[in-house]
Structure formats: C-alpha cells, structure tokens
Protein backbone atom coordinates (compact mmCIF):
# COMPACT_ATOMS: atom_id res chain seq x y z
CA UNK A 1 18.49 54.06 -44.21
CA UNK A 2 15.54 53.06 -46.11
CA UNK A 3 13.37 49.69 -46.10
CA UNK A 4 14.15 48.66 -49.64
CA UNK A 5 12.16 45.64 -51.23
CA UNK A 6 9.99 45.26 -48.34
CA UNK A 7 12.35 43.97 -45.97
CA UNK A 8 12.84 45.74 -42.59
CA UNK A 9 16.51 46.17 -41.82
CA UNK A 10 15.40 46.98 -38.13
CA UNK A 11 16.89 50.57 -37.40
CA UNK A 12 18.60 62.38 -24.51
CA UNK A 13 19.37 65.36 -20.27
CA UNK A 14 21.96 63.23 -18.61
CA UNK A 15 21.29 63.63 -14.83
CA UNK A 16 24.43 63.33 -12.68
CA UNK A 17 23.89 61.35 -9.67
CA UNK A 18 25.17 63.13 -6.81
CA UNK A 19 26.25 61.06 -3.66
CA UNK A 20 25.64 62.81 -0.32
CA UNK A 21 28.28 62.15 1.97
CA UNK A 22 28.34 62.70 5.75
CA UNK A 23 31.80 62.87 6.00
CA UNK A 24 35.45 63.08 4.45
CA UNK A 25 36.12 59.47 4.22
CA UNK A 26 38.23 57.89 1.77
CA UNK A 27 35.22 55.85 0.57
CA UNK A 28 32.89 58.84 -0.08
CA UNK A 29 36.02 60.61 -1.96
CA UNK A 30 36.20 57.79 -4.10
CA UNK A 31 32.47 57.97 -4.68
CA UNK A 32 32.38 61.36 -5.15
CA UNK A 33 35.40 61.27 -7.89
CA UNK A 34 33.44 58.22 -9.59
CA UNK A 35 30.56 60.28 -10.18
CA UNK A 36 32.33 63.06 -11.83
CA UNK A 37 31.63 63.62 -15.71
CA UNK A 38 34.98 62.65 -16.55
CA UNK A 39 35.02 59.38 -14.54
CA UNK A 40 31.40 58.74 -16.26
CA UNK A 41 32.50 59.52 -19.43
CA UNK A 42 35.45 57.55 -19.63
CA UNK A 43 33.10 54.45 -18.46
CA UNK A 44 30.79 54.98 -21.42
CA UNK A 45 33.92 55.49 -23.85
CA UNK A 46 35.13 51.89 -22.89
CA UNK A 47 31.43 50.60 -23.89
CA UNK A 48 28.92 48.42 -21.78
CA UNK A 49 25.63 46.30 -21.59
CA UNK A 50 22.23 47.81 -22.20
CA UNK A 51 20.34 47.00 -18.68
CA UNK A 52 17.23 44.64 -19.33
CA UNK A 53 13.75 46.09 -18.06
CA UNK A 54 14.40 49.75 -18.89
CA UNK A 55 11.15 51.87 -18.71
CA UNK A 56 11.62 53.80 -22.62
CA UNK A 57 8.30 56.43 -22.98
CA UNK A 58 7.66 57.63 -26.32
CA UNK A 59 5.77 61.05 -26.73
CA UNK A 60 5.44 62.38 -30.04
CA UNK A 61 3.93 65.33 -31.20
CA UNK A 62 0.36 63.77 -32.22
CA UNK A 63 -0.52 60.58 -30.99
CA UNK A 64 -3.02 60.08 -34.10
CA UNK A 65 -0.41 61.26 -36.87
CA UNK A 66 0.72 58.59 -39.35
CA UNK A 67 4.06 59.81 -39.29
CA UNK A 68 4.55 59.12 -35.72
CA UNK A 69 2.96 55.48 -35.85
CA UNK A 70 5.32 54.65 -38.07
CA UNK A 71 8.33 56.26 -36.23
CA UNK A 72 7.25 54.85 -32.63
CA UNK A 73 6.71 51.35 -34.17
CA UNK A 74 10.42 51.76 -34.92
CA UNK A 75 10.95 52.47 -31.16
CA UNK A 76 9.21 49.64 -29.83
CA UNK A 77 10.82 46.97 -32.23
CA UNK A 78 14.00 48.45 -30.42
CA UNK A 79 12.88 48.59 -27.05
CA UNK A 80 11.80 44.80 -27.30
CA UNK A 81 15.05 44.11 -28.96
CA UNK A 82 16.96 45.01 -25.96
CA UNK A 83 14.23 43.74 -23.66
CA UNK A 84 12.86 47.04 -22.04
CA UNK A 85 9.23 48.28 -21.46
CA UNK A 86 7.76 50.16 -23.97
CA UNK A 87 5.36 52.91 -23.91
CA UNK A 88 3.18 55.40 -26.21
CA UNK A 89 1.52 58.31 -24.91
CA UNK A 90 0.82 61.75 -26.37
CA UNK A 91 -1.75 64.53 -27.48
CA UNK A 92 -4.30 64.64 -30.13
CA UNK A 93 -3.05 68.23 -30.87
CA UNK A 94 -0.09 69.70 -31.56
CA UNK A 95 -0.50 73.06 -29.10
CA UNK A 96 2.60 74.00 -27.88
CA UNK A 97 1.97 73.15 -24.25
CA UNK A 98 -0.10 70.16 -24.99
CA UNK A 99 3.06 67.61 -24.22
CA UNK A 100 3.73 69.33 -20.81
CA UNK A 101 1.22 67.18 -18.50
CA UNK A 102 2.49 63.89 -20.18
CA UNK A 103 5.85 64.79 -19.11
CA UNK A 104 4.81 65.22 -15.56
CA UNK A 105 3.21 61.78 -15.36
CA UNK A 106 5.60 60.02 -17.05
CA UNK A 107 8.00 61.79 -14.61
CA UNK A 108 5.59 60.63 -11.88
CA UNK A 109 5.88 56.94 -13.17
CA UNK A 110 10.06 56.88 -13.16
CA UNK A 111 10.28 56.20 -16.51
CA UNK A 112 14.36 55.49 -17.22
CA UNK A 113 13.74 57.84 -20.49
CA UNK A 114 11.62 60.06 -22.41
CA UNK A 115 11.82 59.92 -25.97
CA UNK A 116 9.50 63.13 -27.36
CA UNK A 117 9.17 64.97 -30.39
CA UNK A 118 8.54 68.68 -29.49
CA UNK A 119 5.47 70.91 -30.23
CA UNK A 120 7.46 74.13 -29.37
CA UNK A 121 11.13 74.13 -28.61
CA UNK A 122 10.77 76.00 -25.23
CA UNK A 123 7.41 75.08 -23.98
CA UNK A 124 8.38 71.78 -22.78
CA UNK A 125 11.62 72.70 -21.18
CA UNK A 126 10.65 73.03 -17.69
CA UNK A 127 8.70 70.02 -17.47
CA UNK A 128 11.38 67.94 -19.09
CA UNK A 129 14.17 69.67 -16.71
CA UNK A 130 12.27 68.56 -13.73
CA UNK A 131 12.28 64.85 -15.49
CA UNK A 132 16.08 64.98 -15.61
CA UNK A 133 16.09 66.30 -12.00
CA UNK A 134 14.03 62.94 -11.07
CA UNK A 135 17.10 60.71 -12.91
CA UNK A 136 15.20 60.26 -16.54
CA UNK A 137 17.45 60.71 -19.35
CA UNK A 138 15.51 62.91 -22.31
CA UNK A 139 16.11 62.09 -25.88
CA UNK A 140 14.40 64.29 -28.79
CA UNK A 141 13.74 62.86 -32.21
CA UNK A 142 12.27 64.55 -35.64
CA UNK A 143 11.76 67.67 -33.65
CA UNK A 144 14.31 69.38 -30.86
CA UNK A 145 13.95 71.17 -27.91
CA UNK A 146 16.55 74.07 -26.81
CA UNK A 147 19.42 71.96 -25.76
CA UNK A 148 18.79 72.41 -22.04
CA UNK A 149 16.19 70.41 -22.26
CA UNK A 150 17.44 67.11 -23.32
CA UNK A 151 20.74 64.59 -23.55
CA UNK A 152 20.24 63.81 -27.05
CA UNK A 153 18.68 65.05 -30.34
CA UNK A 154 18.27 62.36 -32.79
CA UNK A 155 18.24 64.17 -36.29
CA UNK A 156 16.67 62.68 -39.18
CA UNK A 157 19.11 64.16 -41.73
CA UNK A 158 21.08 67.62 -41.52
CA UNK A 159 18.66 70.53 -41.14
CA UNK A 160 20.39 72.32 -43.83
CA UNK A 161 20.47 69.58 -46.34
CA UNK A 162 16.58 69.08 -45.62
CA UNK A 163 15.94 72.76 -46.29
CA UNK A 164 17.94 73.32 -49.54
CA UNK A 165 17.33 69.97 -51.28
CA UNK A 166 13.66 70.42 -50.80
CA UNK A 167 13.95 74.05 -52.78
CA UNK A 168 16.24 72.24 -55.10
CA UNK A 169 13.98 69.51 -56.36
CA UNK A 170 11.00 71.80 -56.43
CA UNK A 171 12.91 74.17 -59.08
CA UNK A 172 14.00 71.11 -61.17
CA UNK A 173 10.13 70.28 -61.57
CA UNK A 174 9.14 73.70 -62.37
CA UNK A 175 11.98 74.50 -64.72
CA UNK A 176 14.03 77.71 -65.37
CA UNK A 177 11.36 79.78 -65.85
CA UNK A 178 10.44 79.71 -62.36
CA UNK A 179 7.70 81.46 -60.91
CA UNK A 180 5.81 81.74 -57.57
CA UNK A 181 6.05 79.14 -54.65
CA UNK A 182 4.61 78.48 -51.25
CA UNK A 183 5.12 76.41 -48.50
CA UNK A 184 2.66 74.59 -46.68
CA UNK A 185 4.07 73.56 -43.19
CA UNK A 186 2.66 72.32 -39.85
CA UNK A 187 2.61 74.39 -36.97
CA UNK A 188 4.44 77.85 -36.63
CA UNK A 189 6.59 76.92 -33.61
CA UNK A 190 7.46 73.68 -35.11
CA UNK A 191 11.18 73.28 -34.36
CA UNK A 192 12.35 71.13 -37.10
CA UNK A 193 9.98 72.92 -39.76
CA UNK A 194 11.04 76.52 -38.85
CA UNK A 195 14.68 75.33 -39.29
CA UNK A 196 14.16 73.92 -42.65
CA UNK A 197 12.00 76.99 -43.80
CA UNK A 198 15.28 79.29 -42.76
CA UNK A 199 17.43 76.93 -45.06
CA UNK A 200 14.74 77.01 -47.77
CA UNK A 201 14.60 80.74 -47.60
CA UNK A 202 18.39 80.98 -47.69
CA UNK A 203 18.57 78.96 -50.41
CA UNK A 204 16.06 80.90 -52.35
CA UNK A 205 18.33 83.94 -52.24
CA UNK A 206 20.83 82.05 -54.50
CA UNK A 207 21.54 83.43 -58.27
CA UNK A 208 19.64 80.66 -59.53
CA UNK A 209 16.69 81.04 -58.20
CA UNK A 210 15.88 84.95 -59.05
CA UNK A 211 13.17 84.08 -61.18
CA UNK A 212 11.88 82.37 -58.15
CA UNK A 213 9.46 84.14 -55.33
CA UNK A 214 8.18 82.56 -52.30
CA UNK A 215 4.81 84.35 -51.85
CA UNK A 216 3.78 82.81 -48.69
CA UNK A 217 4.26 80.31 -45.83
CA UNK A 218 0.86 78.63 -44.76
CA UNK A 219 0.03 76.66 -41.70
CA UNK A 220 -2.01 73.22 -41.34
CA UNK A 221 -1.14 72.72 -37.92
CA UNK A 222 -0.47 68.95 -38.85
CA UNK A 223 -4.16 68.95 -39.57
CA UNK A 224 -5.53 67.07 -42.50
CA UNK A 225 -8.64 69.39 -42.90
CA UNK A 226 -6.86 72.71 -42.50
CA UNK A 227 -3.69 71.31 -44.54
CA UNK A 228 -6.51 70.66 -47.39
CA UNK A 229 -8.04 74.26 -46.87
CA UNK A 230 -4.82 76.18 -46.57
CA UNK A 231 -3.97 74.62 -50.09
CA UNK A 232 -7.02 75.69 -51.34
CA UNK A 233 -6.95 78.84 -50.06
CA UNK A 234 -3.26 79.00 -51.46
CA UNK A 235 -4.23 78.61 -54.91
CA UNK A 236 -7.48 81.01 -54.54
CA UNK A 237 -4.79 83.67 -53.52
CA UNK A 238 -1.91 83.22 -56.06
CA UNK A 239 -3.43 81.82 -58.96
CA UNK A 240 -0.18 81.79 -60.95
CA UNK A 241 1.29 79.62 -58.00
CA UNK A 242 3.65 77.26 -60.05
CA UNK A 243 4.84 74.90 -56.87
CA UNK A 244 4.31 74.45 -53.17
CA UNK A 245 6.74 72.62 -50.66
CA UNK A 246 5.27 71.02 -47.79
CA UNK A 247 7.55 69.38 -45.19
CA UNK A 248 5.57 67.73 -43.39
CA UNK A 249 3.73 64.23 -43.86
CA UNK A 250 0.15 65.71 -43.03
CA UNK A 251 0.57 68.55 -45.31
CA UNK A 252 1.76 67.26 -48.26
CA UNK A 253 -0.82 64.36 -48.14
CA UNK A 254 -3.74 66.90 -47.99
CA UNK A 255 -2.11 69.04 -50.72
CA UNK A 256 -1.82 66.24 -52.88
CA UNK A 257 -5.68 65.07 -52.34
CA UNK A 258 -6.39 68.61 -53.33
CA UNK A 259 -4.37 69.03 -56.25
CA UNK A 260 -5.59 65.76 -57.62
CA UNK A 261 -9.23 67.19 -57.81
CA UNK A 262 -8.76 70.63 -59.29
CA UNK A 263 -7.59 71.85 -62.28
CA UNK A 264 -3.81 72.52 -60.90
CA UNK A 265 -3.20 68.97 -61.04
CA UNK A 266 0.04 68.50 -62.79
CA UNK A 267 0.69 72.41 -63.43
CA UNK A 268 1.22 73.37 -59.69
CA UNK A 269 4.30 71.04 -58.65
CA UNK A 270 3.89 69.47 -55.09
CA UNK A 271 7.08 68.22 -53.13
CA UNK A 272 8.11 68.12 -49.56
CA UNK A 273 8.41 65.01 -47.10
CA UNK A 274 6.16 62.08 -46.78
CA UNK A 275 6.09 58.42 -47.05
CA UNK A 276 6.14 56.09 -50.16
CA UNK A 277 2.60 54.22 -48.68
CA UNK A 278 1.00 57.38 -48.14
CA UNK A 279 1.90 59.28 -51.60
CA UNK A 280 2.30 56.06 -53.90
CA UNK A 281 -1.04 56.93 -55.80
CA UNK A 282 -0.54 60.24 -56.04
CA UNK A 283 2.93 60.04 -57.93
CA UNK A 284 1.57 57.11 -60.36
CA UNK A 285 -1.22 59.46 -61.43
CA UNK A 286 1.08 62.85 -61.82
CA UNK A 287 -0.09 64.46 -58.98
CA UNK A 288 3.41 64.84 -57.25
CA UNK A 289 6.92 64.23 -59.44
CA UNK A 290 9.14 63.52 -56.61
CA UNK A 291 9.42 64.17 -52.89
CA UNK A 292 11.65 63.02 -50.14
CA UNK A 293 12.01 61.38 -46.65
CA UNK A 294 14.28 59.51 -44.56
CA UNK A 295 12.72 56.24 -43.24
CA UNK A 296 10.68 57.31 -40.09
CA UNK A 297 10.90 53.72 -38.42
CA UNK A 298 14.58 53.81 -38.35
CA UNK A 299 14.18 57.50 -36.81
CA UNK A 300 12.45 55.78 -33.58
CA UNK A 301 14.71 52.88 -33.84
CA UNK A 302 17.57 54.57 -33.37
CA UNK A 303 16.04 57.15 -30.86
CA UNK A 304 15.16 53.98 -28.55
CA UNK A 305 18.79 52.82 -28.64
CA UNK A 306 20.26 56.36 -27.86
CA UNK A 307 17.67 56.29 -24.91
CA UNK A 308 18.60 53.05 -23.75
CA UNK A 309 22.34 53.35 -23.89
CA UNK A 310 21.86 57.26 -21.94
CA UNK A 311 19.77 55.19 -19.30
CA UNK A 312 22.03 52.07 -19.10
CA UNK A 313 24.94 54.50 -18.47
CA UNK A 314 27.06 53.32 -21.42
CA UNK A 315 26.85 56.85 -22.95
CA UNK A 316 26.45 60.51 -21.48
CA UNK A 317 25.80 62.28 -24.25
CA UNK A 318 29.15 63.79 -24.79
CA UNK A 319 30.29 64.84 -28.22
CA UNK A 320 32.50 61.75 -29.76
CA UNK A 321 31.23 58.98 -27.62
CA UNK A 322 29.65 55.89 -29.41
CA UNK A 323 26.93 53.31 -28.99
CA UNK A 324 25.67 50.44 -30.77
CA UNK A 325 22.06 50.83 -31.93
CA UNK A 326 21.16 47.30 -32.78
CA UNK A 327 20.84 46.78 -36.37
CA UNK A 328 21.63 50.41 -37.37
CA UNK A 329 25.31 49.37 -36.09
CA UNK A 330 27.29 51.65 -34.45
CA UNK A 331 26.69 55.72 -33.89
CA UNK A 332 28.61 58.73 -32.92
CA UNK A 333 27.33 61.43 -30.76
CA UNK A 334 28.02 64.91 -32.76
CA UNK A 335 28.26 68.55 -31.70
CA UNK A 336 25.51 69.74 -29.20
CA UNK A 337 24.20 66.13 -28.80
CA UNK A 338 23.11 65.15 -32.14
CA UNK A 339 22.93 61.96 -33.50
CA UNK A 340 22.22 61.93 -37.36
CA UNK A 341 20.33 59.23 -39.13
CA UNK A 342 21.24 59.68 -42.63
CA UNK A 343 20.65 61.63 -45.73
CA UNK A 344 17.06 61.40 -47.11
CA UNK A 345 15.87 59.49 -50.31
CA UNK A 346 13.91 61.37 -53.13
CA UNK A 347 10.97 58.97 -54.26
CA UNK A 348 9.40 59.21 -57.87
CA UNK A 349 7.80 57.08 -60.41
CA UNK A 350 11.07 54.98 -61.12
CA UNK A 351 11.77 53.75 -57.49
CA UNK A 352 8.52 54.36 -55.52
CA UNK A 353 7.57 50.53 -55.66
CA UNK A 354 10.87 49.27 -54.21
CA UNK A 355 10.13 51.00 -50.42
CA UNK A 356 7.14 49.59 -48.17
CA UNK A 357 6.88 52.28 -45.52
C-alpha cells in the first residue's frame, strides 16, 4: 500500500522458553506441555493482546540511508501506536560484519525484539542466534538473513515479481530494438539485491529479450559518490549502452544525477527502485521515464507490528498464523516465515505527484 494524496494510511527467530524442572511433579509436566511448540502455536492462533512497553530496536543497513530513514520512521510510528519503546541504531557503512557489534549491544540491553535489514545473509547470523538464545525475537525486513537467523522476514514484495518487473519496465522504455544494458546494484553481498538480480538474469533469457544483452553488474555499495562514479564508468566502458537498472534507492538517484548532466540524458534509459520525493525532478525533466517501489514506511510499520506480535507471544512465526498490523489490517505468515507487504507501484510523470514519501 502506498501513501496517496499525501494521506498517511499508517502501516522475526522464536526462542522456546525452556522450563527447568527438578522432579516429575504434575505441575512441572503441565508447564512443559504448555511450553511446547504445539501449545504455543495454539495460543497464538487464538489471538491475543499486544503487550505494552515492548522494547523494539531497528537496525538498518545504514543509519544515514534516506530509504531507511523513511522505513524506520514507519517502524517508530507503529511502536508508538502499540505503546512500546522504539530504538534505532546502525552503522554508517555497509560492510558485511558492520552490524554485528550493534546486535551484540542490543542483546546485552535485553531488547524484546530486533528488527534488522541485513547487509549480509550470513555474517550476522551467529550474533542473531545469540540474541534468540537470550529470548529476543528477530525480524528481518527489506533484506533477509539465512532462515536460522530470524523468526520472520517482512518482504516488500515477491522477489520474483520485483526482479522480472524491472526488466520488463526497462525493455518497454528502450523498445524492441533492444541493446546493451547494465545493472547498478548496492553491495555484492546484499541478499535482496542478489535475489532480484537472479530473476532479472532469468527474465532476460526469454525469447522476447533476445536483442538485449546484460554487459555488466556494477556495485555502488549504496554510497552516493561511488554509485555516481560507477554510472560514469559504465557509460565510458559501454558507449552503446541503452539502459541501466538500479534496484537501490541510493544507486538510482546517483545514476539519475549523472545522466541528468550528461549527453546521455534521455538516451540511456534508467529504472529501478526509488522513492517519489527523491526522483520527482528527474521524472519531470525526462531523465527517468518510470521506476517502481513499495512504500518503505509501510514496510517498517509492518515489521514493527510483526516484532511486537512475536514478542507478545500472539504468534510464533509458524506458517498460517495471523496477526493484526495496525492500520494495515490482518496479515498472514507465509512459507519459510515470510510476510508480504504487497505489490510495487510504477511511478511516472502521470502519477508521481499523487505520492508524498
């Protein structure tokens, strides 16, 4: 769901609590039965109230990334709505292990839940497993970890739909003549980026894209200046380049800025994932014809409610469980602990002024 007409339609690893028993009393047996996954799931299915005072910590890929500023504000709004305590910490770089020290600190602080967008699918898992062992619930959003690192993954949209739709959008802009195209990604280890790129590459194998050639995948490391320089490098290395897909808000904005001041403006098509407020001027001056995204604020909002539901014990993260995510309504846990926000929206000159985020 996207913010429309400037109205804010405001938008995780389960630790089993073992019970130490000294004898075979009836009371201890009943307590052990109540703590089994089956009993916990049954209680969750019946619903329950969100606890007040839950400590929910958001750990984005980068603390200074505009995309995560928006998404985490949505998380804060949700935590405020269910009367919890919101905290936001994170690194200024996107190195694979840069989030580990923050996870360890949050574990020491005994947060009720950690909501993390992982810079690396595996590097953070050992630290997150320690957090889980300490009774902390873990929710990933935007970029997932390996499944053993979390309870739930809040996915912005189906990964396959996002990967294929960006190729489809660029191909429509370039036309049937095809040509050389490139991808400007974030970091080489970013789980979401690599998943989308995999589907992009698969989409390009279809007969209708026989005239298109993916010449390079470049990495701007979600850094504005490096992404700008990588765009420049792509155009210098491939003078016949027809289009660029940048599935990262930092990358697409930097690429647009370079194209805007170059002879390639309007000639090299650019699409990917970005926010309307960030790219509005580039759309209106013809640098970008169209791009897509979900509402990052709603993504953070949904992630916070999922974390709250886990920490309250109203869900365990099992497939088929349902929870209420504030103004986003009821949501269901899918396969592999995934909760889907919804399909992306394409933004272009005709509709971009209808959105404010």
